[in-house]
Amino acid sequence: MKKVVVESVTDSMVLAKDVCGTSGSVLLAKGTILTAAMGRRLKNWSVQFVHIEGEDDSLGQGSVATVSPEEVRAHLEKKFSRVMASEVMKKIFAAVYKFKIQQNS
């Protein structure tokens, strides 16, 4: 399985994991055969990465996802922009940020 940025999705790639939306609902199920158009739609839904069947691509052909901590923070700040006045939401933001950074490593 390899992690791929949605901009790099091409026809005939097969999902190795379900893709879920922000509400937790499944947008595309594991085993779905993708198209480039689906990759564009996923980007519109704010999905950044998908897990594709196959071995990890260690040759660095540009399709393996790498996102800087600054990009993760900017994305999350946009998502949390309406609720950051709450101390509880600030703690949730920090936890999500930490999780995303660990997940991206």
Protein backbone atom coordinates (compact mmCIF):
# COMPACT_ATOMS: atom_id res chain seq x y z
CA MET A 1 0.00 0.00 0.00
CA LYS A 2 1.24 3.50 -0.76
CA LYS A 3 0.04 6.95 0.25
CA VAL A 4 -0.61 9.17 -2.76
CA VAL A 5 -1.63 12.83 -3.04
CA VAL A 6 -5.01 13.13 -4.76
CA GLU A 7 -3.52 15.30 -7.53
CA SER A 8 -1.47 12.25 -8.56
CA VAL A 9 -4.42 9.85 -8.83
CA THR A 10 -4.57 8.21 -12.25
CA ASP A 11 -6.98 5.88 -13.97
CA SER A 12 -6.99 2.26 -12.75
CA MET A 13 -5.49 2.91 -9.29
CA VAL A 14 -7.30 0.85 -6.63
CA LEU A 15 -8.11 2.17 -3.16
CA ALA A 16 -6.50 0.18 -0.33
CA LYS A 17 -8.54 1.97 2.39
CA ASP A 18 -11.94 3.68 2.56
CA VAL A 19 -11.85 7.43 1.96
CA CYS A 20 -13.96 9.24 4.57
CA GLY A 21 -15.27 12.78 4.60
CA THR A 22 -15.04 15.24 7.48
CA SER A 23 -18.30 13.88 8.93
CA GLY A 24 -16.89 10.35 8.93
CA SER A 25 -19.09 9.09 6.10
CA VAL A 26 -17.43 6.90 3.47
CA LEU A 27 -16.92 8.85 0.24
CA LEU A 28 -15.24 6.00 -1.65
CA ALA A 29 -14.94 2.42 -0.45
CA LYS A 30 -11.85 0.24 -0.31
CA GLY A 31 -11.42 -1.57 -3.63
CA THR A 32 -12.83 1.27 -5.74
CA ILE A 33 -11.05 1.65 -9.08
CA LEU A 34 -10.13 5.31 -9.36
CA THR A 35 -10.03 7.74 -12.26
CA ALA A 36 -8.20 11.05 -12.57
CA ALA A 37 -11.61 12.78 -12.37
CA MET A 38 -12.24 11.10 -9.00
CA GLY A 39 -8.89 12.49 -7.80
CA ARG A 40 -10.03 16.02 -8.71
CA ARG A 41 -13.34 15.46 -6.94
CA LEU A 42 -11.54 14.23 -3.81
CA LYS A 43 -9.45 17.41 -3.83
CA ASN A 44 -12.67 19.47 -3.99
CA TRP A 45 -13.85 17.53 -0.92
CA SER A 46 -10.64 18.58 0.92
CA VAL A 47 -9.15 15.08 0.82
CA GLN A 48 -5.37 15.35 0.55
CA PHE A 49 -4.22 11.72 0.34
CA VAL A 50 -5.48 8.27 -0.56
CA HIS A 51 -4.00 4.85 0.12
CA ILE A 52 -3.49 2.85 -3.07
CA GLU A 53 -3.01 -0.90 -3.40
CA GLY A 54 0.47 -2.03 -4.32
CA GLU A 55 3.90 -1.81 -2.80
CA ASP A 56 5.26 1.44 -1.41
CA ASP A 57 6.95 3.44 -4.18
CA SER A 58 10.42 4.10 -2.81
CA LEU A 59 11.77 5.44 -6.10
CA GLY A 60 10.41 8.91 -5.37
CA GLN A 61 8.47 9.47 -8.58
CA GLY A 62 6.59 12.37 -7.01
CA SER A 63 3.37 10.52 -6.26
CA VAL A 64 4.20 9.66 -2.66
CA ALA A 65 2.72 12.27 -0.35
CA THR A 66 4.95 14.69 1.50
CA VAL A 67 3.39 17.62 3.29
CA SER A 68 5.25 20.05 5.49
CA PRO A 69 4.08 20.76 9.04
CA GLU A 70 3.34 24.33 7.91
CA GLU A 71 0.97 23.06 5.20
CA VAL A 72 -0.78 20.80 7.71
CA ARG A 73 -1.15 23.69 10.15
CA ALA A 74 -2.53 26.03 7.44
CA HIS A 75 -5.06 23.41 6.32
CA LEU A 76 -6.23 22.77 9.89
CA GLU A 77 -6.38 26.48 10.74
CA LYS A 78 -8.73 26.92 7.79
CA LYS A 79 -10.91 24.05 9.01
CA PHE A 80 -10.95 25.29 12.63
CA SER A 81 -11.22 29.02 11.82
CA ARG A 82 -14.77 29.42 13.12
CA VAL A 83 -14.24 27.68 16.46
CA MET A 84 -10.76 28.70 17.64
CA ALA A 85 -12.17 31.07 20.28
CA SER A 86 -13.09 28.04 22.38
CA GLU A 87 -10.36 26.68 24.67
CA VAL A 88 -11.67 23.14 24.12
CA MET A 89 -11.42 23.54 20.35
CA LYS A 90 -7.86 24.86 20.69
CA LYS A 91 -6.95 21.65 22.52
CA ILE A 92 -8.68 19.55 19.87
CA PHE A 93 -6.83 21.51 17.17
CA ALA A 94 -3.50 20.79 18.89
CA ALA A 95 -4.32 17.08 19.18
CA VAL A 96 -5.40 16.80 15.54
CA TYR A 97 -2.30 18.69 14.39
CA LYS A 98 -0.03 16.38 16.39
CA PHE A 99 -1.82 13.31 15.00
CA LYS A 100 -1.56 14.55 11.39
CA ILE A 101 2.15 15.27 11.76
CA GLN A 102 2.77 11.78 13.18
CA GLN A 103 0.61 10.22 10.46
CA ASN A 104 2.52 12.07 7.73
CA SER A 105 5.91 10.86 9.01
